[in-house]
Amino acid sequence: MRECSGGGPQVLDWSIGNQTCKQVGSASICGQNSVCLDSTTRTGYNCKCKAGYDGNPYLQEGCRDINECTNSSPIHRHNCSGSSTCVNTMGHFLCSCPSGFDLNATANGCMRQHKSENHRSIIIVLGKPPSLVLNFILCELKRRMRHMKNIELRKQFFEQNGGGVLRQRLSGEGPSNVDVKIFTEEGMKKATNGYEASRILGQGGQGTVYKGILPDSSVVAIKKSRLGDSSQVEQFINEVLVLSQINHRNVVKLLGCCLETEVPLLVYEFVTNGTLFDHLDGSLFNSSLTWEHRLRIAIEVAGTLAYLHSSASIPVIHRDIKTANILLDENLTAKVADFEQLTTMVQGTLGYLDPEYFTTGLLNEKSDVYSFGVVLMELLSGQKALCFERPEYSRHLVSYFSCATKEKRLNEIIDSQVMNEYNRREILEAALISVECTRLMGEERPRMKEVAAKLEGLRVSETKHQWSDRYTEPRVNEQLSYVETISAQGDMSSSGYASRM
């Protein structure tokens, strides 16, 4: 491995074997009450206890049922309220009401039953064999019981996911620009045609995105996450309300949510042209992103993050900026997506994750700056942030790119499609910005507002935007003076650049 001082952190990642969960099938070592999850960073798989279970998923009986009714931990404690009582079940719990009462999703506890005027009567047709009549009655009773059980379960999930809190917030006093719709579970099934495989837009270790068609024929994207955190219900509701207030041309609009499922579904506007990852990777799109396209996308994403950090009504930290979370429309306009990282247990993605997270366990504005720096490196190089198929010295793009920049070897790593176009001075300055963004210490990184201004300066004029003294270290000054020297000499040829870098 090439030694380089000041390089990025080394990340320890592991998985079992070199097959996916589908390939290994029942031969996986995952124990009872656990699920197999494909590794998101390399070949192989990992195991995780199912929701409602805790323990070691790699032992045969390692995942054991959590008794939410007696557990004192706030993470696993039941939320039955009022006159309802908690009944533990395998992997879950139910809130039970006394005879003659129903659990109400919008009320605090149990409400007395009211006889429905629309009960269907069972008509026994005279002259039919008694066995047929009995079978008909039994089938009808089973159907009604299943229907009532589904209604009860939807109510349970709705309350468990904070539905009552959300309705209370929407009906009370608050910001006038809150516009979030509560969708039903039945409506989501119809929109996705029963979550049909042909409707899948994308899927990964954290969930699946479906294309949905609403009754008014509008097309939406429906995100179905794999896991949720029941201890963060109120925070989830707060952040849904915050995200619904964001109206920015470069942010995917959150339209609403469905709380009647085990893990809440989030409904977004539909963006037609895939992700930035798809376009750089070339696996789904025969795309040719020019330097002009890449610089504009970088400017749009940087400006969006700067807006979220400082100009939005309530500051928002994204926590998982990466090329797979940047969507492109038909005009290749960037739209930042996947804000649900705010409301799940998942924090960031390997290859993009702020090194300080491994010591503090926290992500902040400077964490978004680090992740954006990695995205900018991907735009310049056309390479993935983390790839174990590359030689060992170049597996982690941050350390590889930083070394190449420091040692003036950028011609080895810059995408040839970019290197052959436009102004090489812009490319080098963009590379320097990406290195500044990915410094190990968060306090040494610029703010997103500064990054956005610097990138915009590359596009609109040749005017030099000076960084504050905090960021103008000797290494950066040396490279910038080098750029100014070769620019003054007019030596911008490929051979001249390669010999000096």
Protein backbone atom coordinates (compact mmCIF):
# COMPACT_ATOMS: atom_id res chain seq x y z
CA MET A 1 0.00 0.00 0.00
CA ARG A 2 1.34 3.47 -0.94
CA GLU A 3 2.25 5.51 2.11
CA CYS A 4 0.92 9.08 2.15
CA SER A 5 0.86 11.39 5.13
CA GLY A 6 -2.39 13.24 5.60
CA GLY A 7 -4.38 10.54 3.82
CA GLY A 8 -7.88 9.49 4.77
CA PRO A 9 -8.79 6.99 7.49
CA GLN A 10 -8.67 3.25 6.98
CA VAL A 11 -12.10 1.62 7.49
CA LEU A 12 -12.56 -1.91 8.87
CA ASP A 13 -15.42 -3.63 7.09
CA TRP A 14 -16.40 -7.31 7.11
CA SER A 15 -18.99 -9.73 5.84
CA ILE A 16 -19.52 -13.50 5.65
CA GLY A 17 -18.46 -15.38 2.53
CA ASN A 18 -18.66 -14.02 -0.99
CA GLN A 19 -22.27 -14.86 -1.84
CA THR A 20 -25.46 -12.80 -1.54
CA CYS A 21 -28.34 -13.82 0.72
CA LYS A 22 -30.25 -15.06 -2.33
CA GLN A 23 -27.32 -17.19 -3.44
CA VAL A 24 -26.57 -18.71 -0.03
CA GLY A 25 -30.28 -19.34 0.72
CA SER A 26 -30.97 -21.56 3.70
CA ALA A 27 -27.28 -22.35 4.04
CA SER A 28 -26.58 -18.98 5.70
CA ILE A 29 -25.32 -19.08 9.28
CA CYS A 30 -28.01 -16.69 10.47
CA GLY A 31 -29.88 -18.15 13.44
CA GLN A 32 -33.59 -18.33 14.23
CA ASN A 33 -35.52 -15.04 14.32
CA SER A 34 -32.77 -13.25 12.37
CA VAL A 35 -32.56 -11.95 8.81
CA CYS A 36 -29.83 -12.11 6.21
CA LEU A 37 -28.76 -8.73 4.74
CA ASP A 38 -26.48 -8.31 1.72
CA SER A 39 -23.36 -6.29 2.47
CA THR A 40 -23.64 -2.79 0.97
CA THR A 41 -19.88 -2.29 0.58
CA ARG A 42 -18.50 -5.64 -0.59
CA THR A 43 -19.44 -9.23 -1.42
CA GLY A 44 -20.93 -11.47 1.24
CA TYR A 45 -23.68 -10.95 3.81
CA ASN A 46 -24.36 -10.09 7.46
CA CYS A 47 -27.03 -11.21 9.95
CA LYS A 48 -29.37 -9.08 12.09
CA CYS A 49 -32.02 -9.95 14.67
CA LYS A 50 -35.59 -9.31 13.50
CA ALA A 51 -37.56 -6.42 14.96
CA GLY A 52 -38.80 -7.42 18.41
CA TYR A 53 -35.81 -9.71 19.03
CA ASP A 54 -32.39 -9.03 20.51
CA GLY A 55 -29.14 -10.93 20.91
CA ASN A 56 -26.49 -12.57 18.70
CA PRO A 57 -27.95 -13.29 15.23
CA TYR A 58 -25.06 -15.62 14.37
CA LEU A 59 -26.05 -18.21 17.02
CA GLN A 60 -28.85 -20.70 16.27
CA GLU A 61 -31.01 -19.46 19.14
CA GLY A 62 -29.16 -16.19 19.71
CA CYS A 63 -32.07 -13.85 18.91
CA ARG A 64 -34.59 -13.92 21.74
CA ASP A 65 -38.00 -12.31 22.03
CA ILE A 66 -38.08 -8.93 23.77
CA ASN A 67 -40.92 -8.72 26.28
CA GLU A 68 -42.01 -5.14 25.68
CA CYS A 69 -44.61 -5.42 28.44
CA THR A 70 -42.01 -5.88 31.19
CA ASN A 71 -38.90 -4.36 29.61
CA SER A 72 -37.87 -1.15 31.36
CA SER A 73 -35.64 0.07 28.53
CA PRO A 74 -37.16 3.13 26.75
CA ILE A 75 -36.04 1.61 23.43
CA HIS A 76 -38.14 -1.55 23.83
CA ARG A 77 -40.87 -0.32 26.20
CA HIS A 78 -44.48 -0.71 25.02
CA ASN A 79 -46.61 2.39 24.34
CA CYS A 80 -50.02 1.10 25.45
CA SER A 81 -51.94 3.93 27.08
CA GLY A 82 -55.17 4.66 28.92
CA SER A 83 -57.22 1.62 29.90
CA SER A 84 -55.47 -0.67 27.41
CA THR A 85 -53.13 -3.38 28.68
CA CYS A 86 -49.98 -4.75 27.07
CA VAL A 87 -49.98 -8.36 25.82
CA ASN A 88 -46.59 -9.73 24.74
CA THR A 89 -46.38 -11.74 21.50
CA MET A 90 -43.39 -13.34 19.78
CA GLY A 91 -41.46 -10.48 18.22
CA HIS A 92 -44.08 -7.89 19.06
CA PHE A 93 -46.78 -6.82 21.51
CA LEU A 94 -50.44 -5.84 21.40
CA CYS A 95 -52.48 -3.33 23.34
CA SER A 96 -55.64 -5.10 24.50
CA CYS A 97 -58.91 -3.47 25.52
CA PRO A 98 -61.61 -4.80 27.87
CA SER A 99 -64.64 -6.56 26.40
CA GLY A 100 -66.94 -4.08 24.67
CA PHE A 101 -64.12 -1.62 23.89
CA ASP A 102 -61.91 -1.01 20.84
CA LEU A 103 -58.38 0.42 20.64
CA ASN A 104 -58.65 3.77 18.90
CA ALA A 105 -55.66 5.07 16.88
CA THR A 106 -56.56 8.73 17.36
CA ALA A 107 -57.79 8.60 20.95
CA ASN A 108 -55.76 7.99 24.09
CA GLY A 109 -56.58 4.34 24.81
CA CYS A 110 -59.83 2.37 24.45
CA MET A 111 -63.25 3.54 23.28
CA ARG A 112 -66.62 1.82 23.75
CA GLN A 113 -67.80 -0.13 20.70
CA HIS A 114 -70.70 1.18 18.61
CA LYS A 115 -72.77 -1.22 16.58
CA SER A 116 -72.31 -0.58 12.90
CA GLU A 117 -75.41 0.12 10.85
CA ASN A 118 -73.70 -1.44 7.88
CA HIS A 119 -73.23 -5.00 9.25
CA ARG A 120 -74.00 -7.44 6.53
CA SER A 121 -76.61 -10.00 7.50
CA ILE A 122 -76.01 -13.65 6.75
CA ILE A 123 -78.89 -15.06 4.73
CA ILE A 124 -79.50 -18.75 5.06
CA VAL A 125 -81.20 -20.00 1.95
CA LEU A 126 -83.79 -22.62 2.75
CA GLY A 127 -83.50 -25.88 0.90
CA LYS A 128 -79.68 -25.97 0.92
CA PRO A 129 -77.86 -28.81 2.73
CA PRO A 130 -77.00 -27.90 6.34
CA SER A 131 -73.30 -28.65 5.76
CA LEU A 132 -73.07 -25.99 3.03
CA VAL A 133 -74.81 -23.46 5.25
CA LEU A 134 -72.44 -24.27 8.12
CA ASN A 135 -69.40 -23.95 5.84
CA PHE A 136 -70.67 -20.60 4.58
CA ILE A 137 -71.14 -19.32 8.14
CA LEU A 138 -67.65 -20.48 9.17
CA CYS A 139 -66.01 -18.88 6.11
CA GLU A 140 -67.86 -15.62 6.72
CA LEU A 141 -66.80 -15.60 10.36
CA LYS A 142 -63.16 -16.25 9.41
CA ARG A 143 -63.29 -13.46 6.83
CA ARG A 144 -64.67 -11.03 9.38
CA MET A 145 -62.09 -12.06 11.97
CA ARG A 146 -59.24 -11.55 9.48
CA HIS A 147 -60.68 -8.18 8.51
CA MET A 148 -60.99 -7.08 12.15
CA LYS A 149 -57.48 -8.34 12.91
CA ASN A 150 -56.03 -6.33 9.99
CA ILE A 151 -57.88 -3.21 11.15
CA GLU A 152 -56.60 -3.72 14.69
CA LEU A 153 -53.04 -4.24 13.44
CA ARG A 154 -53.14 -1.11 11.27
CA LYS A 155 -54.41 0.90 14.25
CA GLN A 156 -51.63 -0.57 16.37
CA PHE A 157 -48.93 0.36 13.84
CA PHE A 158 -50.45 3.82 13.32
CA GLU A 159 -50.24 4.60 17.03
CA GLN A 160 -46.87 2.91 17.43
CA ASN A 161 -45.40 5.03 14.59
CA GLY A 162 -46.63 8.31 16.07
CA GLY A 163 -49.81 8.79 14.04
CA GLY A 164 -51.71 10.31 16.94
CA VAL A 165 -48.86 12.75 17.59
CA LEU A 166 -48.72 13.73 13.90
CA ARG A 167 -52.47 14.38 13.67
CA GLN A 168 -52.32 16.44 16.83
CA ARG A 169 -49.45 18.53 15.43
CA LEU A 170 -51.21 19.04 12.08
CA SER A 171 -54.49 20.08 13.71
CA GLY A 172 -52.87 22.42 16.24
CA GLU A 173 -51.10 25.73 15.86
CA GLY A 174 -47.91 25.67 13.83
CA PRO A 175 -46.21 26.85 10.64
CA SER A 176 -48.67 27.61 7.84
CA ASN A 177 -46.42 26.04 5.19
CA VAL A 178 -46.64 22.51 6.63
CA ASP A 179 -48.05 20.32 3.88
CA VAL A 180 -47.78 16.62 4.68
CA LYS A 181 -50.37 14.02 3.71
CA ILE A 182 -51.11 10.88 5.73
CA PHE A 183 -51.56 7.95 3.32
CA THR A 184 -53.33 4.68 4.18
CA GLU A 185 -51.74 1.24 3.92
CA GLU A 186 -54.46 0.19 1.48
CA GLY A 187 -53.72 3.24 -0.68
CA MET A 188 -50.01 2.38 -0.79
CA LYS A 189 -50.78 -1.20 -1.85
CA LYS A 190 -52.95 0.03 -4.69
CA ALA A 191 -50.38 2.63 -5.74
CA THR A 192 -47.64 0.00 -6.06
CA ASN A 193 -49.94 -2.76 -7.39
CA GLY A 194 -49.29 -4.83 -4.27
CA TYR A 195 -45.59 -3.86 -4.13
CA GLU A 196 -45.06 -5.53 -7.50
CA ALA A 197 -41.44 -6.29 -8.40
CA SER A 198 -41.77 -4.43 -11.71
CA ARG A 199 -42.46 -1.23 -9.73
CA ILE A 200 -39.10 -1.32 -7.90
CA LEU A 201 -36.99 1.74 -8.75
CA GLY A 202 -34.06 0.77 -6.55
CA GLN A 203 -33.13 -1.23 -3.48
CA GLY A 204 -30.23 -1.66 -1.08
CA GLY A 205 -29.36 -2.66 2.43
CA GLN A 206 -31.54 0.09 3.92
CA GLY A 207 -34.76 -0.40 1.95
CA THR A 208 -36.63 -0.47 -1.35
CA VAL A 209 -38.05 2.38 -3.45
CA TYR A 210 -41.21 1.71 -5.49
CA LYS A 211 -42.83 3.67 -8.26
CA GLY A 212 -46.37 4.50 -7.17
CA ILE A 213 -49.38 5.82 -9.08
CA LEU A 214 -51.95 7.68 -6.95
CA PRO A 215 -55.71 7.84 -7.71
CA ASP A 216 -55.24 11.24 -9.40
CA SER A 217 -52.69 9.57 -11.79
CA SER A 218 -49.76 11.46 -10.28
CA VAL A 219 -46.53 9.43 -10.07
CA VAL A 220 -44.62 9.26 -6.77
CA ALA A 221 -41.67 7.40 -5.24
CA ILE A 222 -42.52 5.31 -2.16
CA LYS A 223 -39.63 4.42 0.19
CA LYS A 224 -40.07 1.24 2.23
CA SER A 225 -37.26 1.00 4.81
CA ARG A 226 -36.03 -2.28 6.23
CA LEU A 227 -35.65 -1.13 9.82
CA GLY A 228 -36.96 1.60 12.08
CA ASP A 229 -36.19 2.81 15.60
CA SER A 230 -39.27 2.64 17.83
CA SER A 231 -37.52 4.73 20.49
CA GLN A 232 -37.33 7.75 18.14
CA VAL A 233 -41.02 8.10 17.23
CA GLU A 234 -41.40 11.71 18.35
CA GLN A 235 -38.16 12.70 16.62
CA PHE A 236 -39.40 10.98 13.45
CA ILE A 237 -42.64 12.98 13.51
CA ASN A 238 -40.78 16.23 14.18
CA GLU A 239 -38.46 15.66 11.25
CA VAL A 240 -41.29 14.66 8.89
CA LEU A 241 -42.89 18.02 9.70
CA VAL A 242 -39.58 19.84 9.16
CA LEU A 243 -38.82 18.11 5.84
CA SER A 244 -42.34 18.76 4.55
CA GLN A 245 -41.64 22.50 4.90
CA ILE A 246 -38.56 22.42 2.64
CA ASN A 247 -39.40 23.83 -0.79
CA HIS A 248 -36.18 24.02 -2.81
CA ARG A 249 -35.71 23.27 -6.51
CA ASN A 250 -32.76 20.97 -5.73
CA VAL A 251 -34.43 18.98 -2.92
CA VAL A 252 -36.75 16.01 -3.57
CA LYS A 253 -40.08 17.06 -2.06
CA LEU A 254 -41.51 14.95 0.78
CA LEU A 255 -45.24 14.62 0.06
CA GLY A 256 -46.34 12.54 3.03
CA CYS A 257 -46.09 9.25 4.89
CA CYS A 258 -47.98 6.07 5.71
CA LEU A 259 -47.95 5.02 9.38
CA GLU A 260 -50.20 1.93 9.16
CA THR A 261 -47.29 -0.42 8.37
CA GLU A 262 -44.69 -1.95 10.70
CA VAL A 263 -42.05 0.49 9.42
CA PRO A 264 -43.41 3.85 8.14
CA LEU A 265 -43.47 4.47 4.38
CA LEU A 266 -42.31 7.83 3.03
CA VAL A 267 -43.80 9.28 -0.16
CA TYR A 268 -41.70 11.61 -2.35
CA GLU A 269 -42.02 13.40 -5.66
CA PHE A 270 -40.91 11.20 -8.57
CA VAL A 271 -37.64 12.14 -10.31
CA THR A 272 -37.29 10.59 -13.73
CA ASN A 273 -33.62 10.22 -14.65
CA GLY A 274 -31.99 7.98 -12.03
CA THR A 275 -29.18 8.84 -9.65
CA LEU A 276 -25.79 10.49 -10.09
CA PHE A 277 -24.28 7.11 -9.17
CA ASP A 278 -26.09 5.48 -12.11
CA HIS A 279 -24.75 8.09 -14.54
CA LEU A 280 -21.15 7.93 -13.30
CA ASP A 281 -21.19 4.13 -13.11
CA GLY A 282 -22.80 3.73 -16.54
CA SER A 283 -24.61 0.54 -15.48
CA LEU A 284 -28.14 1.85 -16.14
CA PHE A 285 -27.61 4.91 -18.33
CA ASN A 286 -25.50 5.44 -21.43
CA SER A 287 -24.59 8.81 -19.95
CA SER A 288 -21.76 11.13 -20.88
CA LEU A 289 -21.47 13.80 -18.19
CA THR A 290 -19.28 16.64 -19.43
CA TRP A 291 -17.22 18.84 -17.11
CA GLU A 292 -19.89 21.52 -17.47
CA HIS A 293 -22.55 19.04 -16.27
CA ARG A 294 -20.40 17.83 -13.38
CA LEU A 295 -19.47 21.31 -12.19
CA ARG A 296 -23.10 22.45 -12.34
CA ILE A 297 -24.25 19.37 -10.38
CA ALA A 298 -21.55 20.03 -7.74
CA ILE A 299 -22.64 23.68 -7.48
CA GLU A 300 -26.33 22.70 -7.12
CA VAL A 301 -25.63 20.12 -4.39
CA ALA A 302 -23.26 22.45 -2.51
CA GLY A 303 -25.78 25.29 -2.68
CA THR A 304 -28.55 23.00 -1.45
CA LEU A 305 -26.53 21.84 1.57
CA ALA A 306 -25.56 25.44 2.35
CA TYR A 307 -29.27 26.36 2.27
CA LEU A 308 -30.24 23.44 4.53
CA HIS A 309 -27.48 24.27 7.02
CA SER A 310 -28.10 27.99 7.36
CA SER A 311 -31.03 29.36 5.33
CA ALA A 312 -33.88 26.89 5.92
CA SER A 313 -36.53 27.80 8.53
CA ILE A 314 -35.05 25.06 10.72
CA PRO A 315 -31.41 23.98 10.03
CA VAL A 316 -31.20 20.46 8.61
CA ILE A 317 -28.18 18.12 8.49
CA HIS A 318 -28.51 15.46 5.80
CA ARG A 319 -26.12 12.85 7.33
CA ASP A 320 -25.85 10.62 4.23
CA ILE A 321 -24.75 12.64 1.19
CA LYS A 322 -23.56 10.29 -1.58
CA THR A 323 -23.97 9.90 -5.35
CA ALA A 324 -26.78 7.35 -4.84
CA ASN A 325 -28.77 9.99 -2.92
CA ILE A 326 -28.46 12.66 -5.63
CA LEU A 327 -31.21 12.26 -8.24
CA LEU A 328 -31.14 13.80 -11.72
CA ASP A 329 -34.13 14.95 -13.74
CA GLU A 330 -34.46 14.99 -17.53
CA ASN A 331 -32.35 18.18 -17.68
CA LEU A 332 -29.64 16.65 -15.43
CA THR A 333 -30.66 19.03 -12.63
CA ALA A 334 -29.55 17.65 -9.25
CA LYS A 335 -32.09 16.90 -6.52
CA VAL A 336 -30.89 15.83 -3.06
CA ALA A 337 -32.87 12.88 -1.64
CA ASP A 338 -33.01 10.30 1.18
CA PHE A 339 -33.45 12.54 4.21
CA GLU A 340 -34.98 9.58 6.08
CA GLN A 341 -31.50 8.86 7.43
CA LEU A 342 -32.52 11.50 9.97
CA THR A 343 -35.21 9.20 11.33
CA THR A 344 -33.62 5.73 11.22
CA MET A 345 -30.88 3.94 13.13
CA VAL A 346 -28.57 4.12 10.09
CA GLN A 347 -25.94 6.86 10.21
CA GLY A 348 -24.04 7.50 6.99
CA THR A 349 -22.40 5.18 4.45
CA LEU A 350 -18.88 3.72 4.47
CA GLY A 351 -16.65 5.62 2.09
CA TYR A 352 -18.58 8.85 2.73
CA LEU A 353 -18.73 8.75 6.53
CA ASP A 354 -17.02 11.49 8.54
CA PRO A 355 -13.94 9.96 10.30
CA GLU A 356 -14.86 11.88 13.47
CA TYR A 357 -18.04 9.79 13.72
CA PHE A 358 -15.94 6.78 14.75
CA THR A 359 -14.76 8.64 17.87
CA THR A 360 -17.75 10.88 18.70
CA GLY A 361 -20.71 8.87 17.39
CA LEU A 362 -22.17 12.16 16.14
CA LEU A 363 -22.72 13.72 12.72
CA ASN A 364 -22.91 17.48 12.16
CA GLU A 365 -22.70 20.13 9.42
CA LYS A 366 -19.00 19.41 8.85
CA SER A 367 -19.92 15.74 8.33
CA ASP A 368 -22.02 16.81 5.34
CA VAL A 369 -19.01 18.82 4.12
CA TYR A 370 -16.84 15.68 4.28
CA SER A 371 -19.39 13.58 2.38
CA PHE A 372 -19.77 16.29 -0.26
CA GLY A 373 -15.98 16.34 -0.70
CA VAL A 374 -16.11 12.61 -1.51
CA VAL A 375 -18.90 13.22 -4.05
CA LEU A 376 -16.80 15.97 -5.68
CA MET A 377 -13.88 13.52 -5.93
CA GLU A 378 -16.21 11.04 -7.64
CA LEU A 379 -17.35 13.71 -10.11
CA LEU A 380 -13.72 14.51 -10.96
CA SER A 381 -12.43 10.94 -11.15
CA GLY A 382 -15.48 8.92 -12.21
CA GLN A 383 -14.47 6.35 -9.55
CA LYS A 384 -16.49 4.95 -6.63
CA ALA A 385 -15.87 6.17 -3.09
CA LEU A 386 -15.04 2.68 -1.87
CA CYS A 387 -14.24 -0.26 -4.15
CA PHE A 388 -12.54 -3.47 -3.00
CA GLU A 389 -12.05 -4.55 -6.62
CA ARG A 390 -9.41 -1.81 -7.07
CA PRO A 391 -5.75 -2.29 -6.01
CA GLU A 392 -5.23 -1.92 -2.27
CA TYR A 393 -3.58 1.52 -2.49
CA SER A 394 -6.60 2.96 -4.35
CA ARG A 395 -9.55 1.21 -2.67
CA HIS A 396 -10.46 4.27 -0.58
CA LEU A 397 -10.95 7.19 -2.96
CA VAL A 398 -10.29 9.89 -0.33
CA SER A 399 -6.78 8.71 0.55
CA TYR A 400 -5.93 7.89 -3.10
CA PHE A 401 -7.21 11.23 -4.41
CA SER A 402 -5.57 13.25 -1.61
CA CYS A 403 -2.20 11.59 -2.26
CA ALA A 404 -2.46 12.21 -6.01
CA THR A 405 -3.30 15.88 -5.39
CA LYS A 406 -0.47 16.39 -2.91
CA GLU A 407 2.09 14.68 -5.14
CA LYS A 408 0.86 16.47 -8.30
CA ARG A 409 -0.26 13.24 -9.98
CA LEU A 410 -3.87 14.25 -10.67
CA ASN A 411 -3.53 13.24 -14.32
CA GLU A 412 -3.48 9.63 -13.07
CA ILE A 413 -6.89 9.86 -11.42
CA ILE A 414 -8.95 12.55 -13.18
CA ASP A 415 -11.57 11.07 -15.54
CA SER A 416 -10.21 11.27 -19.12
CA GLN A 417 -13.63 12.54 -20.18
CA VAL A 418 -13.06 15.55 -17.91
CA MET A 419 -9.33 15.95 -18.50
CA ASN A 420 -9.81 16.44 -22.23
CA GLU A 421 -12.25 19.30 -21.78
CA TYR A 422 -12.36 22.91 -20.73
CA ASN A 423 -10.07 24.65 -18.27
CA ARG A 424 -7.55 22.51 -16.41
CA ARG A 425 -7.15 25.26 -13.82
CA GLU A 426 -10.84 24.81 -12.86
CA ILE A 427 -10.31 21.06 -12.52
CA LEU A 428 -7.30 21.48 -10.23
CA GLU A 429 -9.05 24.09 -8.08
CA ALA A 430 -12.09 21.79 -7.77
CA ALA A 431 -9.71 18.98 -6.72
CA LEU A 432 -8.18 21.23 -4.05
CA ILE A 433 -11.67 22.08 -2.76
CA SER A 434 -12.50 18.36 -2.45
CA VAL A 435 -9.30 17.75 -0.46
CA GLU A 436 -10.12 20.65 1.89
CA CYS A 437 -13.61 19.23 2.46
CA THR A 438 -12.25 15.80 3.43
CA ARG A 439 -9.75 16.87 6.08
CA LEU A 440 -9.65 14.51 9.07
CA MET A 441 -10.50 17.24 11.58
CA GLY A 442 -13.94 18.76 11.13
CA GLU A 443 -12.83 22.18 12.41
CA GLU A 444 -10.30 22.37 9.54
CA ARG A 445 -12.96 21.91 6.86
CA PRO A 446 -14.71 24.89 5.23
CA ARG A 447 -18.43 25.56 5.68
CA MET A 448 -20.78 24.54 2.87
CA LYS A 449 -21.53 28.21 2.18
CA GLU A 450 -17.82 28.79 1.46
CA VAL A 451 -17.61 25.67 -0.70
CA ALA A 452 -20.66 26.71 -2.75
CA ALA A 453 -19.23 30.20 -3.30
CA LYS A 454 -15.84 28.83 -4.38
CA LEU A 455 -17.40 26.40 -6.90
CA GLU A 456 -19.72 29.09 -8.25
CA GLY A 457 -16.65 31.26 -8.73
CA LEU A 458 -15.12 28.61 -11.00
CA ARG A 459 -18.13 28.80 -13.29
CA VAL A 460 -19.05 32.47 -13.47
CA SER A 461 -15.64 34.13 -13.70
CA GLU A 462 -11.90 33.76 -13.41
CA THR A 463 -11.92 36.04 -10.35
CA LYS A 464 -9.89 34.44 -7.58
CA HIS A 465 -11.90 33.76 -4.43
CA GLN A 466 -9.53 33.63 -1.49
CA TRP A 467 -10.11 31.12 1.32
CA SER A 468 -9.83 32.42 4.84
CA ASP A 469 -6.42 32.08 6.55
CA ARG A 470 -7.85 29.10 8.36
CA TYR A 471 -7.79 27.04 5.17
CA THR A 472 -4.80 28.50 3.24
CA GLU A 473 -2.09 26.14 4.45
CA PRO A 474 1.30 26.01 2.64
CA ARG A 475 0.39 22.90 0.62
CA VAL A 476 -2.72 24.56 -0.83
CA ASN A 477 -0.92 27.87 -1.49
CA GLU A 478 1.83 26.00 -3.30
CA GLN A 479 -0.61 24.29 -5.66
CA LEU A 480 -2.61 27.46 -6.32
CA SER A 481 0.57 29.42 -7.10
CA TYR A 482 1.58 26.59 -9.40
CA VAL A 483 -1.73 26.89 -11.24
CA GLU A 484 -1.29 30.65 -11.58
CA THR A 485 2.26 30.17 -12.93
CA ILE A 486 1.36 27.70 -15.67
CA SER A 487 -1.72 29.77 -16.52
CA ALA A 488 0.46 32.88 -17.01
CA GLN A 489 2.89 30.89 -19.16
CA GLY A 490 0.05 29.50 -21.23
CA ASP A 491 1.33 25.97 -20.62
CA MET A 492 -1.97 24.10 -20.27
CA SER A 493 -1.15 21.21 -22.61
CA SER A 494 -1.72 17.65 -21.49
CA SER A 495 2.02 16.85 -21.59
CA GLY A 496 2.94 20.00 -19.67
CA TYR A 497 0.31 19.26 -17.00
CA ALA A 498 1.41 15.63 -16.62
CA SER A 499 5.10 16.49 -16.32
CA ARG A 500 4.47 19.00 -13.54
CA MET A 501 1.73 17.09 -11.66
